[in-house]
Each structure stands twice: as structure tokens, then as C-alpha cells.
Amino acid sequence: MTQGPLNEDEIIWLDDVLLKYGTAHSVIDVAELDGLLTAVLSGPKTIEPATVLRAVWGGDVEPEWESKEELTRFNVLVFQHMNDIAERLAEYPGQFEPLFGTSEVDNREITIVEEWCYGYMRGVSLESWPALPAELQPELDAIALHGLIENEEQFENLTPEAFLASIEAIKPAALALYGYWHSQRDGASLH
């Protein structure tokens, strides 16, 4: 099995498969998948691979795959990507980059963080994270600002400067949450 980051063709293929088999309850693109996997890897407990795949498809309904090869390739690429995220979070946090979407508006490329943040919050709810210490709650709030529908009005009313700052807060927030939960896991295994 190939290790390391997915190449552009593999990312495009995953995006196409998520679109092809997507439902109103499933992950819609690779940005949302990246957020989901980051939260699953960052949370307080280890999640089984089958649970991760159910979360991708929004429940117990799996797509009717065209072939066994398509299913296998999808699963291999999802878990290859998950392993790459895990390695970056654990060993190379300076290389961790959320896979945000982009769009071109008026000949300018803009960053779209909402799908990644929705995916992250999907992962948080999948694990039903316990309450965070007060000093870490703003980290989760930074992601939830863009990742929960009930916060849409709040972020739409931000000044341009505050909006940019809210986007820049997402990566350090994800790293801080990973660090916290993994220190808790490590501490729990020592007892």
C-alpha cells in the first residue's frame, strides 16, 4: 500500500466518488473528509475504521459500488489520507495543513473553510467529545464558527479583518485540540 500524501489525481478521484455517491447526509467533498479525519484523529478516543466509513456516508447506508475495485480503492485512499494526517499531527505539526477548498471570484482565488470545518464538527459529534477545559474551548469555537450552521449569521457579520483572523485561527486550533486530547490519552495509559 502506498504511504504519504495523496497526489492531485487521487484527491480528484476521491472528490468525484464522494460527489457520485453522496447523499444529503454524507461528506460532500475531500475538504470535508479531511476535516472529519482530522477530528477523528484528534479526539479523546480511537475510532474504528468501520465507524469512520459510516460517518463518511452519513450512517449505515453504504453506496452501491460499481465494482469491488472501486470500493477497495476508495477505502485505501481514505485510510492512506488518514495515515498522512495522523503522521503530520503527531510527528510534523509544522507540515499539517487543513485541506481547505478554494473558489475563484473576480479572478481571485478565495479560501473556503466551511466544508473542512463542517467535517471537523461531524467528527467531534461522532465521538461526543467531553467538555474541554475553559482555556481550550475557544479553540473548538474557532472551528465551530465556520462548522456549525447555527453560527452562519455570526460569521457573516464579521468585519473582513475579523473574518480573515477567524480563518487563520483554524489550523492552530486543530493542532491545540490534537495536542490536548493526545496528552489526555497518553496520561490515561500511564495509570
N, C-alpha and C. Protein backbone atom coordinates (compact mmCIF):
# COMPACT_ATOMS: atom_id res chain seq x y z
N MET A 1 0.84 -1.18 0.00
CA MET A 1 0.00 0.00 0.00
C MET A 1 0.88 1.24 0.00
N THR A 2 0.53 2.20 -0.79
CA THR A 2 1.28 3.45 -0.87
C THR A 2 1.08 4.25 0.41
N GLN A 3 2.15 4.90 0.84
CA GLN A 3 2.08 5.75 2.02
C GLN A 3 2.36 7.19 1.60
N GLY A 4 2.16 8.11 2.52
CA GLY A 4 2.43 9.51 2.23
C GLY A 4 1.17 10.20 1.75
N PRO A 5 1.35 11.47 1.38
CA PRO A 5 0.17 12.25 0.97
C PRO A 5 -0.41 11.75 -0.36
N LEU A 6 -1.70 11.98 -0.51
CA LEU A 6 -2.35 11.68 -1.78
C LEU A 6 -1.86 12.66 -2.84
N ASN A 7 -1.79 12.18 -4.07
CA ASN A 7 -1.44 13.11 -5.15
C ASN A 7 -2.71 13.77 -5.67
N GLU A 8 -2.54 14.73 -6.53
CA GLU A 8 -3.69 15.52 -7.01
C GLU A 8 -4.74 14.64 -7.71
N ASP A 9 -4.29 13.66 -8.50
CA ASP A 9 -5.24 12.78 -9.19
C ASP A 9 -6.06 11.95 -8.19
N GLU A 10 -5.40 11.50 -7.12
CA GLU A 10 -6.11 10.71 -6.11
C GLU A 10 -7.14 11.58 -5.37
N ILE A 11 -6.78 12.81 -5.07
CA ILE A 11 -7.71 13.73 -4.41
C ILE A 11 -8.91 14.01 -5.31
N ILE A 12 -8.66 14.25 -6.57
CA ILE A 12 -9.74 14.49 -7.53
C ILE A 12 -10.64 13.26 -7.63
N TRP A 13 -10.04 12.07 -7.67
CA TRP A 13 -10.82 10.84 -7.77
C TRP A 13 -11.72 10.69 -6.53
N LEU A 14 -11.15 10.92 -5.32
CA LEU A 14 -11.95 10.84 -4.10
C LEU A 14 -13.10 11.85 -4.13
N ASP A 15 -12.79 13.07 -4.56
CA ASP A 15 -13.83 14.10 -4.68
C ASP A 15 -14.95 13.63 -5.59
N ASP A 16 -14.57 13.06 -6.74
CA ASP A 16 -15.56 12.57 -7.71
C ASP A 16 -16.43 11.46 -7.11
N VAL A 17 -15.82 10.54 -6.37
CA VAL A 17 -16.57 9.43 -5.77
C VAL A 17 -17.51 9.96 -4.69
N LEU A 18 -17.04 10.90 -3.87
CA LEU A 18 -17.91 11.48 -2.84
C LEU A 18 -19.11 12.18 -3.47
N LEU A 19 -18.89 12.86 -4.58
CA LEU A 19 -19.98 13.52 -5.30
C LEU A 19 -20.93 12.49 -5.93
N LYS A 20 -20.35 11.48 -6.55
CA LYS A 20 -21.12 10.45 -7.25
C LYS A 20 -22.07 9.70 -6.31
N TYR A 21 -21.59 9.34 -5.12
CA TYR A 21 -22.39 8.54 -4.21
C TYR A 21 -22.97 9.35 -3.05
N GLY A 22 -22.73 10.64 -3.05
CA GLY A 22 -23.15 11.47 -1.94
C GLY A 22 -24.66 11.56 -1.77
N THR A 23 -25.04 11.77 -0.52
CA THR A 23 -26.45 11.98 -0.17
C THR A 23 -26.51 13.24 0.67
N ALA A 24 -27.70 13.60 1.10
CA ALA A 24 -27.86 14.78 1.95
C ALA A 24 -27.15 14.61 3.29
N HIS A 25 -26.80 13.37 3.66
CA HIS A 25 -26.21 13.10 4.97
C HIS A 25 -24.73 12.75 4.90
N SER A 26 -24.18 12.64 3.71
CA SER A 26 -22.78 12.19 3.59
C SER A 26 -21.82 13.36 3.47
N VAL A 27 -20.54 13.04 3.60
CA VAL A 27 -19.47 14.00 3.37
C VAL A 27 -19.54 14.41 1.90
N ILE A 28 -19.42 15.72 1.62
CA ILE A 28 -19.65 16.18 0.24
C ILE A 28 -18.40 16.29 -0.61
N ASP A 29 -17.22 16.45 0.03
CA ASP A 29 -16.00 16.60 -0.76
C ASP A 29 -14.79 16.26 0.10
N VAL A 30 -13.60 16.32 -0.53
CA VAL A 30 -12.37 15.94 0.16
C VAL A 30 -12.05 16.92 1.28
N ALA A 31 -12.42 18.18 1.15
CA ALA A 31 -12.19 19.14 2.23
C ALA A 31 -12.95 18.71 3.49
N GLU A 32 -14.21 18.34 3.33
CA GLU A 32 -15.00 17.89 4.48
C GLU A 32 -14.45 16.57 5.03
N LEU A 33 -14.03 15.68 4.14
CA LEU A 33 -13.42 14.42 4.56
C LEU A 33 -12.16 14.69 5.38
N ASP A 34 -11.33 15.62 4.93
CA ASP A 34 -10.10 15.97 5.63
C ASP A 34 -10.41 16.49 7.03
N GLY A 35 -11.42 17.33 7.16
CA GLY A 35 -11.82 17.83 8.47
C GLY A 35 -12.32 16.72 9.37
N LEU A 36 -13.15 15.84 8.83
CA LEU A 36 -13.67 14.70 9.60
C LEU A 36 -12.51 13.84 10.11
N LEU A 37 -11.60 13.49 9.22
CA LEU A 37 -10.48 12.63 9.60
C LEU A 37 -9.59 13.31 10.64
N THR A 38 -9.38 14.61 10.50
CA THR A 38 -8.57 15.34 11.47
C THR A 38 -9.20 15.29 12.85
N ALA A 39 -10.52 15.49 12.93
CA ALA A 39 -11.21 15.44 14.23
C ALA A 39 -11.16 14.03 14.81
N VAL A 40 -11.38 13.03 13.98
CA VAL A 40 -11.35 11.64 14.45
C VAL A 40 -9.96 11.32 15.03
N LEU A 41 -8.92 11.78 14.35
CA LEU A 41 -7.56 11.53 14.83
C LEU A 41 -7.21 12.36 16.06
N SER A 42 -7.87 13.48 16.22
CA SER A 42 -7.54 14.42 17.29
C SER A 42 -8.30 14.17 18.57
N GLY A 43 -9.36 13.42 18.52
CA GLY A 43 -10.27 13.30 19.64
C GLY A 43 -9.78 12.47 20.80
N PRO A 44 -10.63 12.36 21.81
CA PRO A 44 -10.24 11.71 23.06
C PRO A 44 -10.09 10.19 23.00
N LYS A 45 -10.65 9.55 21.97
CA LYS A 45 -10.51 8.10 21.90
C LYS A 45 -10.34 7.64 20.46
N THR A 46 -9.84 6.44 20.31
CA THR A 46 -9.61 5.85 18.99
C THR A 46 -10.95 5.38 18.42
N ILE A 47 -11.15 5.69 17.16
CA ILE A 47 -12.39 5.32 16.46
C ILE A 47 -12.08 4.20 15.46
N GLU A 48 -12.94 3.21 15.41
CA GLU A 48 -12.76 2.08 14.50
C GLU A 48 -12.92 2.52 13.04
N PRO A 49 -12.16 1.90 12.12
CA PRO A 49 -12.27 2.25 10.70
C PRO A 49 -13.70 2.15 10.15
N ALA A 50 -14.45 1.13 10.56
CA ALA A 50 -15.83 0.98 10.06
C ALA A 50 -16.69 2.16 10.49
N THR A 51 -16.46 2.68 11.70
CA THR A 51 -17.21 3.84 12.19
C THR A 51 -16.86 5.08 11.38
N VAL A 52 -15.59 5.21 11.01
CA VAL A 52 -15.15 6.33 10.18
C VAL A 52 -15.88 6.28 8.83
N LEU A 53 -15.92 5.11 8.23
CA LEU A 53 -16.58 4.98 6.91
C LEU A 53 -18.08 5.24 7.02
N ARG A 54 -18.72 4.78 8.09
CA ARG A 54 -20.14 5.08 8.28
C ARG A 54 -20.35 6.59 8.38
N ALA A 55 -19.43 7.27 9.06
CA ALA A 55 -19.54 8.73 9.19
C ALA A 55 -19.38 9.41 7.83
N VAL A 56 -18.51 8.88 6.99
CA VAL A 56 -18.32 9.46 5.65
C VAL A 56 -19.63 9.41 4.86
N TRP A 57 -20.33 8.28 4.97
CA TRP A 57 -21.56 8.11 4.19
C TRP A 57 -22.81 8.55 4.96
N GLY A 58 -22.65 9.06 6.16
CA GLY A 58 -23.76 9.63 6.90
C GLY A 58 -24.66 8.62 7.56
N GLY A 59 -24.16 7.45 7.85
CA GLY A 59 -24.97 6.44 8.53
C GLY A 59 -24.61 5.05 8.10
N ASP A 60 -25.56 4.15 8.19
CA ASP A 60 -25.30 2.74 7.89
C ASP A 60 -25.52 2.38 6.42
N VAL A 61 -25.91 3.33 5.60
CA VAL A 61 -26.17 3.04 4.19
C VAL A 61 -24.89 3.28 3.39
N GLU A 62 -24.35 2.21 2.85
CA GLU A 62 -23.15 2.31 2.03
C GLU A 62 -23.57 2.39 0.56
N PRO A 63 -22.77 3.08 -0.26
CA PRO A 63 -23.12 3.17 -1.68
C PRO A 63 -23.18 1.81 -2.36
N GLU A 64 -23.89 1.76 -3.45
CA GLU A 64 -23.86 0.57 -4.30
C GLU A 64 -22.71 0.77 -5.28
N TRP A 65 -21.56 0.23 -4.93
CA TRP A 65 -20.34 0.44 -5.68
C TRP A 65 -20.43 -0.19 -7.06
N GLU A 66 -19.80 0.46 -8.04
CA GLU A 66 -19.77 -0.09 -9.40
C GLU A 66 -18.99 -1.39 -9.43
N SER A 67 -17.95 -1.47 -8.60
CA SER A 67 -17.11 -2.68 -8.58
C SER A 67 -16.41 -2.79 -7.23
N LYS A 68 -15.92 -4.00 -6.98
CA LYS A 68 -15.14 -4.23 -5.77
C LYS A 68 -13.86 -3.39 -5.81
N GLU A 69 -13.31 -3.21 -6.99
CA GLU A 69 -12.08 -2.41 -7.14
C GLU A 69 -12.31 -0.95 -6.75
N GLU A 70 -13.47 -0.40 -7.13
CA GLU A 70 -13.80 0.98 -6.78
C GLU A 70 -13.90 1.12 -5.26
N LEU A 71 -14.59 0.19 -4.60
CA LEU A 71 -14.72 0.18 -3.15
C LEU A 71 -13.34 0.09 -2.50
N THR A 72 -12.53 -0.84 -2.95
CA THR A 72 -11.19 -1.04 -2.38
C THR A 72 -10.34 0.20 -2.56
N ARG A 73 -10.36 0.78 -3.75
CA ARG A 73 -9.55 1.97 -3.99
C ARG A 73 -10.01 3.13 -3.09
N PHE A 74 -11.31 3.29 -2.96
CA PHE A 74 -11.83 4.35 -2.10
C PHE A 74 -11.33 4.17 -0.67
N ASN A 75 -11.51 2.97 -0.12
CA ASN A 75 -11.09 2.72 1.26
C ASN A 75 -9.59 2.89 1.44
N VAL A 76 -8.81 2.39 0.50
CA VAL A 76 -7.35 2.52 0.59
C VAL A 76 -6.96 3.99 0.60
N LEU A 77 -7.54 4.79 -0.30
CA LEU A 77 -7.18 6.21 -0.36
C LEU A 77 -7.63 6.97 0.88
N VAL A 78 -8.82 6.67 1.39
CA VAL A 78 -9.29 7.33 2.61
C VAL A 78 -8.33 7.06 3.76
N PHE A 79 -7.94 5.81 3.93
CA PHE A 79 -7.08 5.48 5.06
C PHE A 79 -5.62 5.88 4.82
N GLN A 80 -5.20 5.94 3.57
CA GLN A 80 -3.88 6.49 3.28
C GLN A 80 -3.85 7.97 3.67
N HIS A 81 -4.92 8.69 3.31
CA HIS A 81 -5.01 10.10 3.67
C HIS A 81 -5.07 10.27 5.19
N MET A 82 -5.83 9.41 5.85
CA MET A 82 -5.93 9.46 7.31
C MET A 82 -4.56 9.23 7.96
N ASN A 83 -3.81 8.25 7.44
CA ASN A 83 -2.48 7.98 7.98
C ASN A 83 -1.54 9.15 7.77
N ASP A 84 -1.66 9.83 6.63
CA ASP A 84 -0.83 11.00 6.36
C ASP A 84 -1.16 12.12 7.35
N ILE A 85 -2.44 12.36 7.58
CA ILE A 85 -2.85 13.39 8.55
C ILE A 85 -2.31 13.02 9.94
N ALA A 86 -2.46 11.74 10.32
CA ALA A 86 -2.00 11.29 11.64
C ALA A 86 -0.51 11.52 11.81
N GLU A 87 0.26 11.21 10.78
CA GLU A 87 1.71 11.40 10.85
C GLU A 87 2.07 12.88 10.99
N ARG A 88 1.41 13.71 10.24
CA ARG A 88 1.68 15.15 10.32
C ARG A 88 1.31 15.71 11.70
N LEU A 89 0.14 15.34 12.19
CA LEU A 89 -0.28 15.83 13.51
C LEU A 89 0.70 15.39 14.60
N ALA A 90 1.12 14.13 14.55
CA ALA A 90 1.95 13.56 15.62
C ALA A 90 3.43 13.91 15.48
N GLU A 91 3.93 13.82 14.27
CA GLU A 91 5.38 13.93 14.07
C GLU A 91 5.84 15.24 13.44
N TYR A 92 5.01 15.83 12.61
CA TYR A 92 5.41 17.01 11.84
C TYR A 92 4.31 18.08 11.87
N PRO A 93 3.95 18.58 13.05
CA PRO A 93 2.84 19.54 13.11
C PRO A 93 3.06 20.79 12.26
N GLY A 94 4.28 21.15 12.01
CA GLY A 94 4.56 22.29 11.14
C GLY A 94 4.14 22.04 9.70
N GLN A 95 4.01 20.76 9.33
CA GLN A 95 3.60 20.39 7.97
C GLN A 95 2.10 20.12 7.87
N PHE A 96 1.40 20.17 8.99
CA PHE A 96 -0.05 19.94 8.96
C PHE A 96 -0.73 21.13 8.30
N GLU A 97 -1.52 20.86 7.30
CA GLU A 97 -2.31 21.89 6.61
C GLU A 97 -3.71 21.37 6.37
N PRO A 98 -4.71 21.99 6.96
CA PRO A 98 -6.08 21.59 6.63
C PRO A 98 -6.30 21.73 5.12
N LEU A 99 -7.00 20.78 4.55
CA LEU A 99 -7.23 20.77 3.10
C LEU A 99 -8.49 21.59 2.80
N PHE A 100 -8.34 22.91 2.90
CA PHE A 100 -9.46 23.80 2.63
C PHE A 100 -9.76 23.82 1.14
N GLY A 101 -11.00 24.13 0.81
CA GLY A 101 -11.39 24.29 -0.58
C GLY A 101 -11.01 25.68 -1.07
N THR A 102 -11.08 25.86 -2.36
CA THR A 102 -10.85 27.18 -2.96
C THR A 102 -11.89 27.42 -4.05
N SER A 103 -12.08 28.69 -4.34
CA SER A 103 -13.00 29.07 -5.40
C SER A 103 -12.46 30.35 -6.03
N GLU A 104 -12.75 30.53 -7.29
CA GLU A 104 -12.29 31.75 -7.95
C GLU A 104 -13.44 32.74 -8.04
N VAL A 105 -13.21 33.93 -7.51
CA VAL A 105 -14.20 35.00 -7.53
C VAL A 105 -13.50 36.26 -8.04
N ASP A 106 -14.03 36.84 -9.10
CA ASP A 106 -13.44 38.05 -9.68
C ASP A 106 -11.95 37.88 -9.94
N ASN A 107 -11.57 36.77 -10.55
CA ASN A 107 -10.18 36.46 -10.89
C ASN A 107 -9.27 36.36 -9.67
N ARG A 108 -9.85 36.14 -8.50
CA ARG A 108 -9.05 35.94 -7.28
C ARG A 108 -9.44 34.60 -6.68
N GLU A 109 -8.44 33.88 -6.20
CA GLU A 109 -8.72 32.62 -5.53
C GLU A 109 -9.02 32.90 -4.06
N ILE A 110 -10.17 32.42 -3.61
CA ILE A 110 -10.51 32.60 -2.20
C ILE A 110 -10.54 31.24 -1.50
N THR A 111 -10.20 31.25 -0.25
CA THR A 111 -10.19 30.04 0.55
C THR A 111 -11.58 29.81 1.14
N ILE A 112 -12.04 28.57 1.05
CA ILE A 112 -13.33 28.20 1.60
C ILE A 112 -13.06 27.19 2.72
N VAL A 113 -13.36 27.59 3.95
CA VAL A 113 -13.06 26.74 5.11
C VAL A 113 -14.27 25.99 5.62
N GLU A 114 -15.45 26.37 5.19
CA GLU A 114 -16.68 25.83 5.77
C GLU A 114 -16.75 24.30 5.66
N GLU A 115 -16.46 23.73 4.50
CA GLU A 115 -16.58 22.27 4.36
C GLU A 115 -15.64 21.56 5.32
N TRP A 116 -14.39 22.04 5.41
CA TRP A 116 -13.44 21.41 6.32
C TRP A 116 -13.97 21.49 7.76
N CYS A 117 -14.45 22.65 8.13
CA CYS A 117 -14.96 22.84 9.50
C CYS A 117 -16.21 22.01 9.76
N TYR A 118 -17.10 21.90 8.77
CA TYR A 118 -18.27 21.03 8.92
C TYR A 118 -17.82 19.59 9.15
N GLY A 119 -16.82 19.15 8.39
CA GLY A 119 -16.28 17.80 8.57
C GLY A 119 -15.69 17.61 9.95
N TYR A 120 -14.95 18.61 10.41
CA TYR A 120 -14.34 18.52 11.74
C TYR A 120 -15.43 18.39 12.81
N MET A 121 -16.45 19.23 12.71
CA MET A 121 -17.53 19.17 13.71
C MET A 121 -18.31 17.87 13.60
N ARG A 122 -18.39 17.29 12.41
CA ARG A 122 -19.01 15.96 12.24
C ARG A 122 -18.20 14.94 13.04
N GLY A 123 -16.89 15.05 12.97
CA GLY A 123 -16.02 14.15 13.73
C GLY A 123 -16.15 14.34 15.22
N VAL A 124 -16.29 15.59 15.66
CA VAL A 124 -16.48 15.88 17.09
C VAL A 124 -17.78 15.24 17.58
N SER A 125 -18.85 15.40 16.80
CA SER A 125 -20.13 14.84 17.24
C SER A 125 -20.14 13.32 17.15
N LEU A 126 -19.37 12.76 16.22
CA LEU A 126 -19.26 11.31 16.10
C LEU A 126 -18.71 10.72 17.39
N GLU A 127 -17.76 11.41 17.97
CA GLU A 127 -17.12 10.93 19.19
C GLU A 127 -17.77 11.46 20.45
N SER A 128 -18.71 12.40 20.34
CA SER A 128 -19.30 13.04 21.51
C SER A 128 -18.22 13.47 22.50
N TRP A 129 -17.38 14.37 22.03
CA TRP A 129 -16.27 14.82 22.87
C TRP A 129 -16.77 15.32 24.22
N PRO A 130 -16.07 14.95 25.30
CA PRO A 130 -16.41 15.52 26.60
C PRO A 130 -16.06 17.01 26.63
N ALA A 131 -16.49 17.68 27.68
CA ALA A 131 -16.22 19.11 27.81
C ALA A 131 -14.71 19.36 27.84
N LEU A 132 -14.32 20.43 27.20
CA LEU A 132 -12.92 20.85 27.19
C LEU A 132 -12.65 21.75 28.39
N PRO A 133 -11.39 21.85 28.82
CA PRO A 133 -11.06 22.87 29.82
C PRO A 133 -11.40 24.25 29.25
N ALA A 134 -11.75 25.18 30.11
CA ALA A 134 -12.18 26.52 29.68
C ALA A 134 -11.18 27.17 28.74
N GLU A 135 -9.88 26.98 28.99
CA GLU A 135 -8.87 27.65 28.16
C GLU A 135 -8.78 27.06 26.75
N LEU A 136 -9.34 25.85 26.54
CA LEU A 136 -9.30 25.24 25.20
C LEU A 136 -10.62 25.40 24.44
N GLN A 137 -11.68 25.79 25.11
CA GLN A 137 -12.97 25.93 24.44
C GLN A 137 -12.90 26.93 23.27
N PRO A 138 -12.15 28.04 23.40
CA PRO A 138 -12.05 28.96 22.24
C PRO A 138 -11.44 28.30 21.00
N GLU A 139 -10.62 27.28 21.19
CA GLU A 139 -10.03 26.57 20.04
C GLU A 139 -11.12 25.84 19.27
N LEU A 140 -11.97 25.12 19.98
CA LEU A 140 -13.07 24.42 19.32
C LEU A 140 -14.05 25.43 18.74
N ASP A 141 -14.29 26.52 19.46
CA ASP A 141 -15.19 27.56 18.97
C ASP A 141 -14.70 28.17 17.66
N ALA A 142 -13.38 28.26 17.49
CA ALA A 142 -12.81 28.83 16.26
C ALA A 142 -13.18 27.97 15.04
N ILE A 143 -13.22 26.66 15.24
CA ILE A 143 -13.61 25.75 14.16
C ILE A 143 -15.14 25.73 14.02
N ALA A 144 -15.83 25.69 15.16
CA ALA A 144 -17.30 25.64 15.14
C ALA A 144 -17.90 26.89 14.50
N LEU A 145 -17.20 28.02 14.60
CA LEU A 145 -17.70 29.26 13.98
C LEU A 145 -18.03 29.04 12.51
N HIS A 146 -17.17 28.30 11.81
CA HIS A 146 -17.37 28.02 10.39
C HIS A 146 -17.99 26.65 10.14
N GLY A 147 -18.11 25.83 11.19
CA GLY A 147 -18.51 24.45 11.00
C GLY A 147 -19.88 24.06 11.53
N LEU A 148 -20.61 25.02 12.07
CA LEU A 148 -21.97 24.74 12.54
C LEU A 148 -22.93 25.72 11.89
N ILE A 149 -24.00 25.21 11.34
CA ILE A 149 -24.98 26.05 10.64
C ILE A 149 -25.51 27.15 11.55
N GLU A 150 -25.68 26.84 12.83
CA GLU A 150 -26.23 27.86 13.73
C GLU A 150 -25.30 29.05 13.92
N ASN A 151 -24.05 28.95 13.47
CA ASN A 151 -23.10 30.07 13.58
C ASN A 151 -22.99 30.90 12.30
N GLU A 152 -23.73 30.53 11.25
CA GLU A 152 -23.62 31.23 9.97
C GLU A 152 -23.82 32.73 10.09
N GLU A 153 -24.86 33.13 10.77
CA GLU A 153 -25.15 34.56 10.90
C GLU A 153 -24.01 35.28 11.62
N GLN A 154 -23.45 34.62 12.61
CA GLN A 154 -22.35 35.20 13.38
C GLN A 154 -21.14 35.47 12.49
N PHE A 155 -20.74 34.50 11.66
CA PHE A 155 -19.55 34.75 10.85
C PHE A 155 -19.84 35.62 9.64
N GLU A 156 -21.08 35.65 9.18
CA GLU A 156 -21.43 36.54 8.07
C GLU A 156 -21.39 38.00 8.50
N ASN A 157 -21.50 38.28 9.79
CA ASN A 157 -21.46 39.65 10.30
C ASN A 157 -20.08 40.10 10.73
N LEU A 158 -19.07 39.27 10.52
CA LEU A 158 -17.70 39.65 10.89
C LEU A 158 -17.17 40.70 9.92
N THR A 159 -16.31 41.58 10.44
CA THR A 159 -15.61 42.51 9.54
C THR A 159 -14.66 41.69 8.68
N PRO A 160 -14.21 42.21 7.53
CA PRO A 160 -13.25 41.46 6.71
C PRO A 160 -12.00 41.05 7.50
N GLU A 161 -11.52 41.93 8.36
CA GLU A 161 -10.33 41.62 9.15
C GLU A 161 -10.61 40.49 10.13
N ALA A 162 -11.76 40.57 10.81
CA ALA A 162 -12.12 39.53 11.78
C ALA A 162 -12.38 38.20 11.07
N PHE A 163 -12.95 38.26 9.87
CA PHE A 163 -13.19 37.05 9.09
C PHE A 163 -11.87 36.38 8.74
N LEU A 164 -10.89 37.14 8.25
CA LEU A 164 -9.57 36.58 7.93
C LEU A 164 -8.91 36.01 9.18
N ALA A 165 -9.00 36.71 10.29
CA ALA A 165 -8.42 36.23 11.54
C ALA A 165 -9.09 34.92 11.97
N SER A 166 -10.40 34.81 11.73
CA SER A 166 -11.11 33.58 12.12
C SER A 166 -10.64 32.40 11.28
N ILE A 167 -10.30 32.65 10.02
CA ILE A 167 -9.78 31.58 9.16
C ILE A 167 -8.37 31.19 9.61
N GLU A 168 -7.56 32.18 9.93
CA GLU A 168 -6.18 31.91 10.36
C GLU A 168 -6.14 31.18 11.70
N ALA A 169 -7.20 31.25 12.48
CA ALA A 169 -7.24 30.59 13.80
C ALA A 169 -7.52 29.09 13.70
N ILE A 170 -7.99 28.61 12.55
CA ILE A 170 -8.43 27.22 12.44
C ILE A 170 -7.28 26.23 12.58
N LYS A 171 -6.20 26.42 11.84
CA LYS A 171 -5.08 25.47 11.89
C LYS A 171 -4.49 25.38 13.30
N PRO A 172 -4.13 26.52 13.94
CA PRO A 172 -3.59 26.40 15.30
C PRO A 172 -4.60 25.79 16.28
N ALA A 173 -5.87 26.03 16.06
CA ALA A 173 -6.90 25.44 16.93
C ALA A 173 -6.90 23.92 16.78
N ALA A 174 -6.84 23.44 15.54
CA ALA A 174 -6.82 21.98 15.31
C ALA A 174 -5.59 21.35 15.95
N LEU A 175 -4.45 22.00 15.84
CA LEU A 175 -3.23 21.47 16.46
C LEU A 175 -3.32 21.48 17.99
N ALA A 176 -3.89 22.53 18.55
CA ALA A 176 -4.04 22.61 20.01
C ALA A 176 -4.98 21.53 20.53
N LEU A 177 -6.08 21.30 19.82
CA LEU A 177 -7.04 20.28 20.25
C LEU A 177 -6.42 18.89 20.14
N TYR A 178 -5.69 18.64 19.06
CA TYR A 178 -4.98 17.36 18.92
C TYR A 178 -4.02 17.18 20.09
N GLY A 179 -3.22 18.20 20.38
CA GLY A 179 -2.25 18.12 21.46
C GLY A 179 -2.89 17.84 22.80
N TYR A 180 -4.00 18.52 23.07
CA TYR A 180 -4.69 18.32 24.35
C TYR A 180 -5.21 16.89 24.48
N TRP A 181 -5.99 16.42 23.51
CA TRP A 181 -6.59 15.10 23.63
C TRP A 181 -5.54 14.00 23.65
N HIS A 182 -4.46 14.19 22.89
CA HIS A 182 -3.43 13.16 22.90
C HIS A 182 -2.64 13.16 24.20
N SER A 183 -2.49 14.30 24.84
CA SER A 183 -1.85 14.31 26.16
C SER A 183 -2.75 13.60 27.17
N GLN A 184 -4.08 13.74 27.01
CA GLN A 184 -5.03 13.05 27.89
C GLN A 184 -4.98 11.53 27.66
N ARG A 185 -4.90 11.14 26.39
CA ARG A 185 -4.80 9.71 26.07
C ARG A 185 -3.53 9.13 26.68
N ASP A 186 -2.41 9.83 26.46
CA ASP A 186 -1.12 9.36 26.98
C ASP A 186 -1.14 9.29 28.50
N GLY A 187 -1.73 10.29 29.14
CA GLY A 187 -1.83 10.29 30.60
C GLY A 187 -2.69 9.16 31.12
N ALA A 188 -3.78 8.86 30.40
CA ALA A 188 -4.68 7.79 30.83
C ALA A 188 -4.00 6.42 30.71
N SER A 189 -3.12 6.28 29.70
CA SER A 189 -2.47 4.98 29.51
C SER A 189 -1.37 4.73 30.54
N LEU A 190 -0.96 5.77 31.27
CA LEU A 190 0.07 5.60 32.27
C LEU A 190 -0.48 5.09 33.60
N HIS A 191 -1.78 5.17 33.78
CA HIS A 191 -2.36 4.78 35.09
C HIS A 191 -2.69 3.32 35.13
